[in-house]
Amino acid sequence: MHLYYTVFQASETKPNVHGELASTSTDMNITIGDVNDNKPEFFDCMAGSCVLATSFSGNINENAPSGEFVKGMDIKVEDVDAVVAIDKGNENLRSTATVTIQINDINDNYPTFKKETYNLKDINDNKPVFRSAFYAFYVKESIMGGFVGLVFADDADQTTPNNRISFRITDGSLGNFIVTTSAEERGSGYIGNISVDPDVELDYEKGKKSYSLTIEATDMGQRRDFALAEVIVLDVNDERPVLSGDFTLHVPENTTNLGEVGKIEAEDPDSNSSLIYELLSTQCQCNGTLGPCAEDWFTVASTGAIIVNKEFVIDYEKCDKVVLETQVVDVFTEKGDNHSLPGK
C-alpha cells in the first residue's frame, strides 16, 4: 500500500465583481492499494548478500535440539506485493524452492551384534581321496574267499549321499579278487575290503605269484580317485611230494658193512617243504617166487639213503632180488596229502 499527498487549487479566469481573480485550494490524500499480481521469490543470504535461488542445502547433526540453526542455510523469501511465501490474495500466488538438509551421523551408539541363522546347502563338489596311493597285501594260496586287505578313502563333502563312496577293482584282478564297501564305524571315511573270490582258489605253483590291482573310489557324483594294491601270493604247503621214479641197484652178495648203496630222490613243488623217507614194505624173490623176506637185508634212512643191514649177510643163492616199497613225507604240509604215492 502506498500513500500520496497533493494540493488541488481552483482559480477563476475572469475577475469577479470586486475586480479580483478569485481562487481556492485544498489538500488531497491518495492511497494506492496493492493488487496481488506477483509471486514470492527465494533468496540465499549466506554470503553476506542475498541472491535469487531455487535450491538450498545445509547440514545438521543428528539429535540436534529443536531450534538449532542449520549450518549453511539462510533462506529469505520476498514478495514485491508484500506477501511472504504464500500470499493471502483472492488468488493465492506462490513460489517453490528445493531445500536439502543433510543430517550428519555422530558416533554416539555402541555396536551391537545381531544373531543371524543361515542354513547352508552342501553340494557334491569334492572327490573321494584315498588315504594312501599304494597298498601292499599278502594272501595265502588255496583259501577260497580269503581276506586280502583293506583300503580307505574319504570325501570332504559333509552330507550323505554327497560323501558316500563305493569301491571297485578296475584292472589286474583277472577275475580272482573282489572288493566290498562299508562305512567306518568312527569317522566319515569308507573301507574297501579286498578278498579272494569265493569261487577261486589261488595256486602259487601254477598261477601268478603277485597281482597289481587298480582300485577305484567313486562318489555319487561320479568323482573318483585311484590307488594301486600289490597282492603277494604266499605259498601254502599243499602239494604232495613226488618220488623221482622206480630204479634198480646192483649190490654184491656176501658183503657186510657196505653202508649206503643208493639214495631215493623226491621233489616237492612247495617252497617250504621238509621231506623224510619211509620204508613201507620189503619183498624178496627167492627161487623165482616173490614174497616176504626172511631177513631184512636193507634199511631206508629218513634222508632217503638205502643202507645194507650189517646184521645180515646178503646171499644171492637164497634170494636174487629184493623189492623195497617206499614213500616220501612232507612234514610241513598244511593242506592236502602230506605223502607221495608209493614207489619202488
C-alpha atoms as a PDB file:
ATOM      1  CA  MET A   1       0.000   0.000   0.000  1.00  0.00           C
ATOM      2  CA  HIS A   2       1.315   3.451  -0.936  1.00  0.00           C
ATOM      3  CA  LEU A   3       0.035   6.890   0.272  1.00  0.00           C
ATOM      4  CA  TYR A   4       0.382  10.041  -1.895  1.00  0.00           C
ATOM      5  CA  TYR A   5      -0.336  13.709  -0.892  1.00  0.00           C
ATOM      6  CA  THR A   6      -1.362  16.548  -3.345  1.00  0.00           C
ATOM      7  CA  VAL A   7      -2.885  20.064  -3.266  1.00  0.00           C
ATOM      8  CA  PHE A   8      -5.680  20.998  -5.646  1.00  0.00           C
ATOM      9  CA  GLN A   9      -6.221  24.760  -6.475  1.00  0.00           C
ATOM     10  CA  ALA A  10      -9.182  26.240  -8.396  1.00  0.00           C
ATOM     11  CA  SER A  11      -8.895  29.756  -9.919  1.00  0.00           C
ATOM     12  CA  GLU A  12     -11.334  31.906 -11.909  1.00  0.00           C
ATOM     13  CA  THR A  13     -10.257  33.109 -15.248  1.00  0.00           C
ATOM     14  CA  LYS A  14     -12.223  36.369 -15.082  1.00  0.00           C
ATOM     15  CA  PRO A  15     -12.261  38.978 -12.336  1.00  0.00           C
ATOM     16  CA  ASN A  16     -15.161  38.912 -10.009  1.00  0.00           C
ATOM     17  CA  VAL A  17     -17.362  41.889  -9.002  1.00  0.00           C
ATOM     18  CA  HIS A  18     -14.589  43.013  -6.855  1.00  0.00           C
ATOM     19  CA  GLY A  19     -12.279  43.034  -9.769  1.00  0.00           C
ATOM     20  CA  GLU A  20     -10.263  40.122  -8.428  1.00  0.00           C
ATOM     21  CA  LEU A  21      -9.349  36.775  -9.850  1.00  0.00           C
ATOM     22  CA  ALA A  22     -10.790  34.521  -7.158  1.00  0.00           C
ATOM     23  CA  SER A  23      -9.079  31.155  -6.266  1.00  0.00           C
ATOM     24  CA  THR A  24      -9.210  28.452  -3.616  1.00  0.00           C
ATOM     25  CA  SER A  25      -7.083  25.305  -2.736  1.00  0.00           C
ATOM     26  CA  THR A  26      -7.490  22.044  -0.830  1.00  0.00           C
ATOM     27  CA  ASP A  27      -5.229  19.142   0.278  1.00  0.00           C
ATOM     28  CA  MET A  28      -5.883  15.615  -1.077  1.00  0.00           C
ATOM     29  CA  ASN A  29      -4.514  12.322   0.305  1.00  0.00           C
ATOM     30  CA  ILE A  30      -4.428   9.440  -2.268  1.00  0.00           C
ATOM     31  CA  THR A  31      -3.979   5.871  -1.066  1.00  0.00           C
ATOM     32  CA  ILE A  32      -2.980   3.287  -3.739  1.00  0.00           C
ATOM     33  CA  GLY A  33      -3.930  -0.269  -2.787  1.00  0.00           C
ATOM     34  CA  ASP A  34      -1.728  -3.389  -3.689  1.00  0.00           C
ATOM     35  CA  VAL A  35      -3.043  -5.803  -6.263  1.00  0.00           C
ATOM     36  CA  ASN A  36      -1.846  -9.461  -5.843  1.00  0.00           C
ATOM     37  CA  ASP A  37      -0.025  -9.772  -9.158  1.00  0.00           C
ATOM     38  CA  ASN A  38       3.471 -11.028  -8.086  1.00  0.00           C
ATOM     39  CA  LYS A  39       4.555 -14.421  -6.700  1.00  0.00           C
ATOM     40  CA  PRO A  40       7.011 -14.859  -3.797  1.00  0.00           C
ATOM     41  CA  GLU A  41      10.753 -15.307  -4.525  1.00  0.00           C
ATOM     42  CA  PHE A  42      13.522 -17.129  -2.544  1.00  0.00           C
ATOM     43  CA  PHE A  43      16.936 -15.624  -1.802  1.00  0.00           C
ATOM     44  CA  ASP A  44      20.132 -17.221  -0.458  1.00  0.00           C
ATOM     45  CA  CYS A  45      21.659 -14.831   2.023  1.00  0.00           C
ATOM     46  CA  MET A  46      24.651 -16.814   3.365  1.00  0.00           C
ATOM     47  CA  ALA A  47      27.390 -14.882   1.522  1.00  0.00           C
ATOM     48  CA  GLY A  48      26.580 -11.552   3.161  1.00  0.00           C
ATOM     49  CA  SER A  49      24.246 -10.559   0.400  1.00  0.00           C
ATOM     50  CA  CYS A  50      21.089 -12.149  -0.865  1.00  0.00           C
ATOM     51  CA  VAL A  51      20.876 -13.709  -4.301  1.00  0.00           C
ATOM     52  CA  LEU A  52      17.889 -15.222  -6.003  1.00  0.00           C
ATOM     53  CA  ALA A  53      17.875 -19.009  -5.542  1.00  0.00           C
ATOM     54  CA  THR A  54      15.622 -22.002  -6.133  1.00  0.00           C
ATOM     55  CA  SER A  55      17.501 -24.668  -4.141  1.00  0.00           C
ATOM     56  CA  PHE A  56      19.223 -24.763  -0.785  1.00  0.00           C
ATOM     57  CA  SER A  57      21.375 -27.253   1.135  1.00  0.00           C
ATOM     58  CA  GLY A  58      22.725 -27.478   4.642  1.00  0.00           C
ATOM     59  CA  ASN A  59      23.633 -29.989   7.320  1.00  0.00           C
ATOM     60  CA  ILE A  60      22.916 -30.556  10.945  1.00  0.00           C
ATOM     61  CA  ASN A  61      23.970 -33.245  13.450  1.00  0.00           C
ATOM     62  CA  GLU A  62      21.558 -35.924  14.456  1.00  0.00           C
ATOM     63  CA  ASN A  63      19.845 -35.465  17.819  1.00  0.00           C
ATOM     64  CA  ALA A  64      20.134 -31.667  17.464  1.00  0.00           C
ATOM     65  CA  PRO A  65      17.775 -29.756  19.796  1.00  0.00           C
ATOM     66  CA  SER A  66      14.734 -28.003  18.453  1.00  0.00           C
ATOM     67  CA  GLY A  67      15.521 -24.535  17.115  1.00  0.00           C
ATOM     68  CA  GLU A  68      19.185 -25.171  16.306  1.00  0.00           C
ATOM     69  CA  PHE A  69      20.408 -23.309  13.236  1.00  0.00           C
ATOM     70  CA  VAL A  70      21.004 -25.419  10.134  1.00  0.00           C
ATOM     71  CA  LYS A  71      24.574 -24.802   9.045  1.00  0.00           C
ATOM     72  CA  GLY A  72      24.976 -23.488   5.516  1.00  0.00           C
ATOM     73  CA  MET A  73      21.378 -22.367   5.184  1.00  0.00           C
ATOM     74  CA  ASP A  74      19.880 -18.843   5.428  1.00  0.00           C
ATOM     75  CA  ILE A  75      16.697 -18.544   3.404  1.00  0.00           C
ATOM     76  CA  LYS A  76      14.875 -15.285   2.729  1.00  0.00           C
ATOM     77  CA  VAL A  77      11.516 -15.039   0.991  1.00  0.00           C
ATOM     78  CA  GLU A  78      10.320 -11.810  -0.565  1.00  0.00           C
ATOM     79  CA  ASP A  79       7.205 -10.759  -2.427  1.00  0.00           C
ATOM     80  CA  VAL A  80       7.022  -7.419  -4.077  1.00  0.00           C
ATOM     81  CA  ASP A  81       3.376  -7.489  -3.206  1.00  0.00           C
ATOM     82  CA  ALA A  82       4.380  -7.727   0.475  1.00  0.00           C
ATOM     83  CA  VAL A  83       3.209 -11.381   0.698  1.00  0.00           C
ATOM     84  CA  VAL A  84       5.642 -13.917   2.176  1.00  0.00           C
ATOM     85  CA  ALA A  85       5.903 -17.364   0.540  1.00  0.00           C
ATOM     86  CA  ILE A  86       2.110 -17.768   0.074  1.00  0.00           C
ATOM     87  CA  ASP A  87       0.136 -14.612  -0.184  1.00  0.00           C
ATOM     88  CA  LYS A  88      -3.421 -14.131   1.026  1.00  0.00           C
ATOM     89  CA  GLY A  89      -4.991 -12.616  -2.047  1.00  0.00           C
ATOM     90  CA  ASN A  90      -8.175 -13.774  -3.603  1.00  0.00           C
ATOM     91  CA  GLU A  91      -5.952 -15.855  -5.916  1.00  0.00           C
ATOM     92  CA  ASN A  92      -3.067 -17.323  -3.920  1.00  0.00           C
ATOM     93  CA  LEU A  93       0.267 -16.928  -5.687  1.00  0.00           C
ATOM     94  CA  ARG A  94       3.205 -18.999  -4.553  1.00  0.00           C
ATOM     95  CA  SER A  95       6.792 -19.992  -5.330  1.00  0.00           C
ATOM     96  CA  THR A  96       8.669 -23.194  -4.540  1.00  0.00           C
ATOM     97  CA  ALA A  97      12.300 -23.947  -3.763  1.00  0.00           C
ATOM     98  CA  THR A  98      14.173 -27.203  -3.140  1.00  0.00           C
ATOM     99  CA  VAL A  99      15.565 -27.400   0.389  1.00  0.00           C
ATOM    100  CA  THR A 100      18.063 -30.222   1.142  1.00  0.00           C
ATOM    101  CA  ILE A 101      19.085 -30.735   4.753  1.00  0.00           C
ATOM    102  CA  GLN A 102      21.809 -33.330   5.356  1.00  0.00           C
ATOM    103  CA  ILE A 103      21.728 -34.916   8.788  1.00  0.00           C
ATOM    104  CA  ASN A 104      25.218 -35.862   9.982  1.00  0.00           C
ATOM    105  CA  ASP A 105      25.749 -39.124  11.832  1.00  0.00           C
ATOM    106  CA  ILE A 106      27.720 -38.717  15.045  1.00  0.00           C
ATOM    107  CA  ASN A 107      29.411 -41.607  16.836  1.00  0.00           C
ATOM    108  CA  ASP A 108      27.040 -41.826  19.795  1.00  0.00           C
ATOM    109  CA  ASN A 109      25.976 -45.503  19.681  1.00  0.00           C
ATOM    110  CA  TYR A 110      27.695 -48.725  20.744  1.00  0.00           C
ATOM    111  CA  PRO A 111      27.926 -51.505  18.167  1.00  0.00           C
ATOM    112  CA  THR A 112      25.532 -54.361  18.722  1.00  0.00           C
ATOM    113  CA  PHE A 113      25.534 -57.904  17.390  1.00  0.00           C
ATOM    114  CA  LYS A 114      22.538 -59.363  15.711  1.00  0.00           C
ATOM    115  CA  LYS A 115      22.009 -63.098  15.781  1.00  0.00           C
ATOM    116  CA  GLU A 116      21.533 -64.491  12.307  1.00  0.00           C
ATOM    117  CA  THR A 117      20.913 -68.107  11.357  1.00  0.00           C
ATOM    118  CA  TYR A 118      21.901 -69.345   7.926  1.00  0.00           C
ATOM    119  CA  ASN A 119      21.211 -72.793   6.534  1.00  0.00           C
ATOM    120  CA  LEU A 120      23.907 -73.785   4.050  1.00  0.00           C
ATOM    121  CA  LYS A 121      23.200 -76.486   1.500  1.00  0.00           C
ATOM    122  CA  ASP A 122      26.003 -78.968   0.853  1.00  0.00           C
ATOM    123  CA  ILE A 123      26.761 -79.662  -2.798  1.00  0.00           C
ATOM    124  CA  ASN A 124      28.802 -82.541  -4.163  1.00  0.00           C
ATOM    125  CA  ASP A 125      31.963 -80.601  -5.084  1.00  0.00           C
ATOM    126  CA  ASN A 126      34.681 -82.820  -3.567  1.00  0.00           C
ATOM    127  CA  LYS A 127      36.061 -86.062  -4.944  1.00  0.00           C
ATOM    128  CA  PRO A 128      36.980 -89.149  -2.897  1.00  0.00           C
ATOM    129  CA  VAL A 129      40.628 -89.311  -1.842  1.00  0.00           C
ATOM    130  CA  PHE A 130      42.483 -92.499  -0.902  1.00  0.00           C
ATOM    131  CA  ARG A 131      44.438 -92.222   2.333  1.00  0.00           C
ATOM    132  CA  SER A 132      47.323 -93.914   0.570  1.00  0.00           C
ATOM    133  CA  ALA A 133      48.130 -94.189  -3.135  1.00  0.00           C
ATOM    134  CA  PHE A 134      49.741 -97.617  -2.674  1.00  0.00           C
ATOM    135  CA  TYR A 135      48.879-100.669  -0.595  1.00  0.00           C
ATOM    136  CA  ALA A 136      50.750-103.972  -0.200  1.00  0.00           C
ATOM    137  CA  PHE A 137      48.943-107.125   0.882  1.00  0.00           C
ATOM    138  CA  TYR A 138      49.777-110.801   1.359  1.00  0.00           C
ATOM    139  CA  VAL A 139      47.382-113.700   0.935  1.00  0.00           C
ATOM    140  CA  LYS A 140      47.885-117.433   1.191  1.00  0.00           C
ATOM    141  CA  GLU A 141      47.091-119.588  -1.779  1.00  0.00           C
ATOM    142  CA  SER A 142      44.339-122.210  -1.760  1.00  0.00           C
ATOM    143  CA  ILE A 143      41.996-120.231   0.541  1.00  0.00           C
ATOM    144  CA  MET A 144      38.755-119.559  -1.315  1.00  0.00           C
ATOM    145  CA  GLY A 145      37.255-116.228  -0.239  1.00  0.00           C
ATOM    146  CA  GLY A 146      40.370-115.467   1.829  1.00  0.00           C
ATOM    147  CA  PHE A 147      40.848-111.971   3.277  1.00  0.00           C
ATOM    148  CA  VAL A 148      43.429-109.865   1.407  1.00  0.00           C
ATOM    149  CA  GLY A 149      43.414-106.363   2.940  1.00  0.00           C
ATOM    150  CA  LEU A 150      41.638-103.039   3.472  1.00  0.00           C
ATOM    151  CA  VAL A 151      41.832 -99.743   1.577  1.00  0.00           C
ATOM    152  CA  PHE A 152      40.493 -96.443   2.914  1.00  0.00           C
ATOM    153  CA  ALA A 153      39.109 -93.305   1.268  1.00  0.00           C
ATOM    154  CA  ASP A 154      37.447 -90.074   2.435  1.00  0.00           C
ATOM    155  CA  ASP A 155      35.172 -87.492   0.820  1.00  0.00           C
ATOM    156  CA  ALA A 156      35.227 -83.920   2.201  1.00  0.00           C
ATOM    157  CA  ASP A 157      31.539 -83.318   1.424  1.00  0.00           C
ATOM    158  CA  GLN A 158      29.605 -83.083   4.671  1.00  0.00           C
ATOM    159  CA  THR A 159      26.318 -84.771   3.897  1.00  0.00           C
ATOM    160  CA  THR A 160      25.090 -88.136   2.717  1.00  0.00           C
ATOM    161  CA  PRO A 161      24.779 -89.087  -0.121  1.00  0.00           C
ATOM    162  CA  ASN A 162      27.310 -86.493  -1.313  1.00  0.00           C
ATOM    163  CA  ASN A 163      30.148 -88.106   0.668  1.00  0.00           C
ATOM    164  CA  ARG A 164      29.176 -91.737   0.058  1.00  0.00           C
ATOM    165  CA  ILE A 165      31.940 -93.801  -1.582  1.00  0.00           C
ATOM    166  CA  SER A 166      31.925 -97.126  -3.384  1.00  0.00           C
ATOM    167  CA  PHE A 167      34.949 -99.188  -4.423  1.00  0.00           C
ATOM    168  CA  ARG A 168      35.622-101.433  -7.389  1.00  0.00           C
ATOM    169  CA  ILE A 169      38.619-103.174  -8.963  1.00  0.00           C
ATOM    170  CA  THR A 170      39.149-101.797 -12.466  1.00  0.00           C
ATOM    171  CA  ASP A 171      42.269-103.699 -13.511  1.00  0.00           C
ATOM    172  CA  GLY A 172      44.657-106.505 -12.560  1.00  0.00           C
ATOM    173  CA  SER A 173      42.248-108.897 -10.846  1.00  0.00           C
ATOM    174  CA  LEU A 174      41.894-111.399 -13.683  1.00  0.00           C
ATOM    175  CA  GLY A 175      38.686-112.495 -12.007  1.00  0.00           C
ATOM    176  CA  ASN A 176      40.439-113.621  -8.826  1.00  0.00           C
ATOM    177  CA  PHE A 177      39.550-110.816  -6.368  1.00  0.00           C
ATOM    178  CA  ILE A 178      36.518-108.812  -5.261  1.00  0.00           C
ATOM    179  CA  VAL A 179      36.095-105.667  -3.129  1.00  0.00           C
ATOM    180  CA  THR A 180      33.152-104.739  -0.898  1.00  0.00           C
ATOM    181  CA  THR A 181      32.365-101.308   0.572  1.00  0.00           C
ATOM    182  CA  SER A 182      31.411-100.353   4.125  1.00  0.00           C
ATOM    183  CA  ALA A 183      31.361 -97.131   6.174  1.00  0.00           C
ATOM    184  CA  GLU A 184      33.749 -96.657   9.052  1.00  0.00           C
ATOM    185  CA  GLU A 185      32.097 -97.006  12.440  1.00  0.00           C
ATOM    186  CA  ARG A 186      34.023 -93.971  13.649  1.00  0.00           C
ATOM    187  CA  GLY A 187      34.804 -91.117  11.315  1.00  0.00           C
ATOM    188  CA  SER A 188      33.464 -90.189   7.919  1.00  0.00           C
ATOM    189  CA  GLY A 189      35.575 -92.490   5.762  1.00  0.00           C
ATOM    190  CA  TYR A 190      34.771 -95.627   3.828  1.00  0.00           C
ATOM    191  CA  ILE A 191      36.501 -99.017   3.757  1.00  0.00           C
ATOM    192  CA  GLY A 192      37.172-101.249   0.775  1.00  0.00           C
ATOM    193  CA  ASN A 193      37.510-104.892   1.844  1.00  0.00           C
ATOM    194  CA  ILE A 194      39.525-106.853  -0.727  1.00  0.00           C
ATOM    195  CA  SER A 195      39.230-110.636  -0.686  1.00  0.00           C
ATOM    196  CA  VAL A 196      39.752-113.630  -2.919  1.00  0.00           C
ATOM    197  CA  ASP A 197      36.686-114.501  -4.952  1.00  0.00           C
ATOM    198  CA  PRO A 198      34.743-117.216  -3.080  1.00  0.00           C
ATOM    199  CA  ASP A 199      34.775-119.357  -6.229  1.00  0.00           C
ATOM    200  CA  VAL A 200      38.529-119.008  -6.800  1.00  0.00           C
ATOM    201  CA  GLU A 201      41.415-120.963  -5.288  1.00  0.00           C
ATOM    202  CA  LEU A 202      44.761-119.262  -5.918  1.00  0.00           C
ATOM    203  CA  ASP A 203      47.578-121.621  -6.876  1.00  0.00           C
ATOM    204  CA  TYR A 204      51.083-120.459  -6.053  1.00  0.00           C
ATOM    205  CA  GLU A 205      52.734-123.212  -8.070  1.00  0.00           C
ATOM    206  CA  LYS A 206      50.629-122.942 -11.241  1.00  0.00           C
ATOM    207  CA  GLY A 207      49.292-119.385 -11.181  1.00  0.00           C
ATOM    208  CA  LYS A 208      50.633-115.853 -10.702  1.00  0.00           C
ATOM    209  CA  LYS A 209      52.652-115.148  -7.596  1.00  0.00           C
ATOM    210  CA  SER A 210      51.644-111.469  -7.428  1.00  0.00           C
ATOM    211  CA  TYR A 211      48.840-109.232  -8.700  1.00  0.00           C
ATOM    212  CA  SER A 212      48.732-105.438  -9.217  1.00  0.00           C
ATOM    213  CA  LEU A 213      45.157-104.304  -8.589  1.00  0.00           C
ATOM    214  CA  THR A 214      43.855-100.870  -9.598  1.00  0.00           C
ATOM    215  CA  ILE A 215      41.227 -99.819  -7.036  1.00  0.00           C
ATOM    216  CA  GLU A 216      38.736 -97.078  -7.888  1.00  0.00           C
ATOM    217  CA  ALA A 217      36.851 -94.995  -5.288  1.00  0.00           C
ATOM    218  CA  THR A 218      33.749 -93.249  -6.697  1.00  0.00           C
ATOM    219  CA  ASP A 219      31.206 -90.924  -5.063  1.00  0.00           C
ATOM    220  CA  MET A 220      27.577 -90.424  -6.044  1.00  0.00           C
ATOM    221  CA  GLY A 221      28.583 -87.616  -8.397  1.00  0.00           C
ATOM    222  CA  GLN A 222      30.943 -89.944 -10.291  1.00  0.00           C
ATOM    223  CA  ARG A 223      34.023 -88.129  -8.966  1.00  0.00           C
ATOM    224  CA  ARG A 224      36.787 -90.673  -8.452  1.00  0.00           C
ATOM    225  CA  ASP A 225      40.262 -91.437  -7.224  1.00  0.00           C
ATOM    226  CA  PHE A 226      42.569 -94.404  -7.819  1.00  0.00           C
ATOM    227  CA  ALA A 227      45.038 -96.428  -5.755  1.00  0.00           C
ATOM    228  CA  LEU A 228      47.300 -99.390  -6.506  1.00  0.00           C
ATOM    229  CA  ALA A 229      47.191-102.547  -4.383  1.00  0.00           C
ATOM    230  CA  GLU A 230      50.007-105.070  -4.777  1.00  0.00           C
ATOM    231  CA  VAL A 231      48.877-108.543  -3.698  1.00  0.00           C
ATOM    232  CA  ILE A 232      51.601-111.090  -2.996  1.00  0.00           C
ATOM    233  CA  VAL A 233      50.500-114.749  -3.062  1.00  0.00           C
ATOM    234  CA  LEU A 234      52.109-116.806  -0.297  1.00  0.00           C
ATOM    235  CA  ASP A 235      52.950-120.424  -0.843  1.00  0.00           C
ATOM    236  CA  VAL A 236      50.899-122.826   1.226  1.00  0.00           C
ATOM    237  CA  ASN A 237      52.366-126.315   1.627  1.00  0.00           C
ATOM    238  CA  ASP A 238      49.524-128.038  -0.155  1.00  0.00           C
ATOM    239  CA  GLU A 239      51.306-130.067  -2.831  1.00  0.00           C
ATOM    240  CA  ARG A 240      52.155-133.708  -2.152  1.00  0.00           C
ATOM    241  CA  PRO A 241      55.784-134.747  -2.714  1.00  0.00           C
ATOM    242  CA  VAL A 242      56.609-136.902  -5.706  1.00  0.00           C
ATOM    243  CA  LEU A 243      59.202-139.693  -5.909  1.00  0.00           C
ATOM    244  CA  SER A 244      61.529-139.403  -8.855  1.00  0.00           C
ATOM    245  CA  GLY A 245      60.609-142.906 -10.078  1.00  0.00           C
ATOM    246  CA  ASP A 246      61.427-146.578  -9.727  1.00  0.00           C
ATOM    247  CA  PHE A 247      65.069-147.501 -10.076  1.00  0.00           C
ATOM    248  CA  THR A 248      67.357-150.582  -9.727  1.00  0.00           C
ATOM    249  CA  LEU A 249      70.520-151.039  -7.657  1.00  0.00           C
ATOM    250  CA  HIS A 250      73.125-153.815  -8.038  1.00  0.00           C
ATOM    251  CA  VAL A 251      74.668-154.960  -4.735  1.00  0.00           C
ATOM    252  CA  PRO A 252      77.271-157.785  -4.406  1.00  0.00           C
ATOM    253  CA  GLU A 253      76.458-160.731  -2.164  1.00  0.00           C
ATOM    254  CA  ASN A 254      78.457-161.959   0.847  1.00  0.00           C
ATOM    255  CA  THR A 255      79.390-158.446   1.866  1.00  0.00           C
ATOM    256  CA  THR A 256      78.740-156.508   5.078  1.00  0.00           C
ATOM    257  CA  ASN A 257      79.383-153.011   6.260  1.00  0.00           C
ATOM    258  CA  LEU A 258      78.728-151.612   2.781  1.00  0.00           C
ATOM    259  CA  GLY A 259      76.759-148.786   4.323  1.00  0.00           C
ATOM    260  CA  GLU A 260      74.805-146.615   1.858  1.00  0.00           C
ATOM    261  CA  VAL A 261      74.438-148.251  -1.530  1.00  0.00           C
ATOM    262  CA  GLY A 262      71.913-145.841  -3.074  1.00  0.00           C
ATOM    263  CA  LYS A 263      69.586-142.909  -2.427  1.00  0.00           C
ATOM    264  CA  ILE A 264      65.930-142.317  -3.090  1.00  0.00           C
ATOM    265  CA  GLU A 265      65.119-138.936  -4.692  1.00  0.00           C
ATOM    266  CA  ALA A 266      61.879-136.931  -4.495  1.00  0.00           C
ATOM    267  CA  GLU A 267      60.557-133.489  -5.396  1.00  0.00           C
ATOM    268  CA  ASP A 268      58.058-131.147  -3.745  1.00  0.00           C
ATOM    269  CA  PRO A 269      56.599-128.152  -5.662  1.00  0.00           C
ATOM    270  CA  ASP A 270      56.120-126.258  -2.389  1.00  0.00           C
ATOM    271  CA  SER A 271      58.804-123.749  -1.478  1.00  0.00           C
ATOM    272  CA  ASN A 272      58.839-124.602   2.215  1.00  0.00           C
ATOM    273  CA  SER A 273      58.857-128.396   2.264  1.00  0.00           C
ATOM    274  CA  SER A 274      60.746-130.728   4.597  1.00  0.00           C
ATOM    275  CA  LEU A 275      60.952-134.305   3.279  1.00  0.00           C
ATOM    276  CA  ILE A 276      61.555-137.570   5.098  1.00  0.00           C
ATOM    277  CA  TYR A 277      61.617-141.044   3.569  1.00  0.00           C
ATOM    278  CA  GLU A 278      59.913-144.165   4.858  1.00  0.00           C
ATOM    279  CA  LEU A 279      60.180-147.871   4.048  1.00  0.00           C
ATOM    280  CA  LEU A 280      56.706-149.294   3.616  1.00  0.00           C
ATOM    281  CA  SER A 281      57.456-152.948   2.806  1.00  0.00           C
ATOM    282  CA  THR A 282      60.161-155.387   1.661  1.00  0.00           C
ATOM    283  CA  GLN A 283      59.707-158.377  -0.706  1.00  0.00           C
ATOM    284  CA  CYS A 284      62.303-160.932  -1.779  1.00  0.00           C
ATOM    285  CA  GLN A 285      62.408-163.022  -4.935  1.00  0.00           C
ATOM    286  CA  CYS A 286      63.638-166.441  -3.881  1.00  0.00           C
ATOM    287  CA  ASN A 287      63.721-169.419  -6.252  1.00  0.00           C
ATOM    288  CA  GLY A 288      61.691-167.411  -8.731  1.00  0.00           C
ATOM    289  CA  THR A 289      58.922-166.573  -6.252  1.00  0.00           C
ATOM    290  CA  LEU A 290      58.314-163.044  -4.900  1.00  0.00           C
ATOM    291  CA  GLY A 291      57.196-162.946  -1.293  1.00  0.00           C
ATOM    292  CA  PRO A 292      58.073-161.759   2.177  1.00  0.00           C
ATOM    293  CA  CYS A 293      61.750-161.650   3.088  1.00  0.00           C
ATOM    294  CA  ALA A 294      63.133-163.862   5.825  1.00  0.00           C
ATOM    295  CA  GLU A 295      65.812-161.292   6.596  1.00  0.00           C
ATOM    296  CA  ASP A 296      65.869-157.536   6.314  1.00  0.00           C
ATOM    297  CA  TRP A 297      68.995-157.111   4.205  1.00  0.00           C
ATOM    298  CA  PHE A 298      68.294-153.374   3.578  1.00  0.00           C
ATOM    299  CA  THR A 299      67.018-150.381   5.568  1.00  0.00           C
ATOM    300  CA  VAL A 300      65.946-146.881   4.418  1.00  0.00           C
ATOM    301  CA  ALA A 301      67.094-143.824   6.370  1.00  0.00           C
ATOM    302  CA  SER A 302      64.875-140.746   6.747  1.00  0.00           C
ATOM    303  CA  THR A 303      67.210-138.975   4.322  1.00  0.00           C
ATOM    304  CA  GLY A 304      66.354-141.472   1.603  1.00  0.00           C
ATOM    305  CA  ALA A 305      69.644-143.381   1.887  1.00  0.00           C
ATOM    306  CA  ILE A 306      69.407-147.156   1.197  1.00  0.00           C
ATOM    307  CA  ILE A 307      71.737-148.903   3.654  1.00  0.00           C
ATOM    308  CA  VAL A 308      72.882-152.515   3.834  1.00  0.00           C
ATOM    309  CA  ASN A 309      71.883-154.022   7.176  1.00  0.00           C
ATOM    310  CA  LYS A 310      75.130-155.154   8.806  1.00  0.00           C
ATOM    311  CA  GLU A 311      73.249-157.707  10.925  1.00  0.00           C
ATOM    312  CA  PHE A 312      72.714-159.936   7.890  1.00  0.00           C
ATOM    313  CA  VAL A 313      74.798-161.296   5.016  1.00  0.00           C
ATOM    314  CA  ILE A 314      73.360-160.960   1.514  1.00  0.00           C
ATOM    315  CA  ASP A 315      73.174-164.379  -0.152  1.00  0.00           C
ATOM    316  CA  TYR A 316      72.360-164.499  -3.852  1.00  0.00           C
ATOM    317  CA  GLU A 317      71.628-168.227  -3.757  1.00  0.00           C
ATOM    318  CA  LYS A 318      68.833-167.614  -1.257  1.00  0.00           C
ATOM    319  CA  CYS A 319      67.250-164.650  -2.951  1.00  0.00           C
ATOM    320  CA  ASP A 320      68.440-162.885  -6.073  1.00  0.00           C
ATOM    321  CA  LYS A 321      66.177-159.805  -5.848  1.00  0.00           C
ATOM    322  CA  VAL A 322      64.817-157.511  -3.104  1.00  0.00           C
ATOM    323  CA  VAL A 323      61.978-155.043  -3.786  1.00  0.00           C
ATOM    324  CA  LEU A 324      61.724-152.014  -1.429  1.00  0.00           C
ATOM    325  CA  GLU A 325      58.444-150.110  -1.408  1.00  0.00           C
ATOM    326  CA  THR A 326      58.991-146.564  -0.109  1.00  0.00           C
ATOM    327  CA  GLN A 327      57.276-143.234   0.206  1.00  0.00           C
ATOM    328  CA  VAL A 328      58.327-139.663   0.987  1.00  0.00           C
ATOM    329  CA  VAL A 329      56.506-137.471   3.532  1.00  0.00           C
ATOM    330  CA  ASP A 330      56.447-133.651   3.738  1.00  0.00           C
ATOM    331  CA  VAL A 331      56.273-132.802   7.420  1.00  0.00           C
ATOM    332  CA  PHE A 332      55.415-129.139   6.635  1.00  0.00           C
ATOM    333  CA  THR A 333      52.246-129.975   4.756  1.00  0.00           C
ATOM    334  CA  GLU A 334      49.390-127.562   5.640  1.00  0.00           C
ATOM    335  CA  LYS A 335      46.700-128.788   3.327  1.00  0.00           C
ATOM    336  CA  GLY A 336      46.051-131.968   1.374  1.00  0.00           C
ATOM    337  CA  ASP A 337      48.053-135.221   1.362  1.00  0.00           C
ATOM    338  CA  ASN A 338      51.455-134.986   3.010  1.00  0.00           C
ATOM    339  CA  HIS A 339      52.979-138.083   1.395  1.00  0.00           C
ATOM    340  CA  SER A 340      53.824-139.318  -2.043  1.00  0.00           C
ATOM    341  CA  LEU A 341      52.377-142.258  -3.853  1.00  0.00           C
ATOM    342  CA  PRO A 342      54.393-145.433  -3.107  1.00  0.00           C
ATOM    343  CA  GLY A 343      57.477-146.046  -5.208  1.00  0.00           C
ATOM    344  CA  LYS A 344      59.856-148.974  -5.724  1.00  0.00           C
END
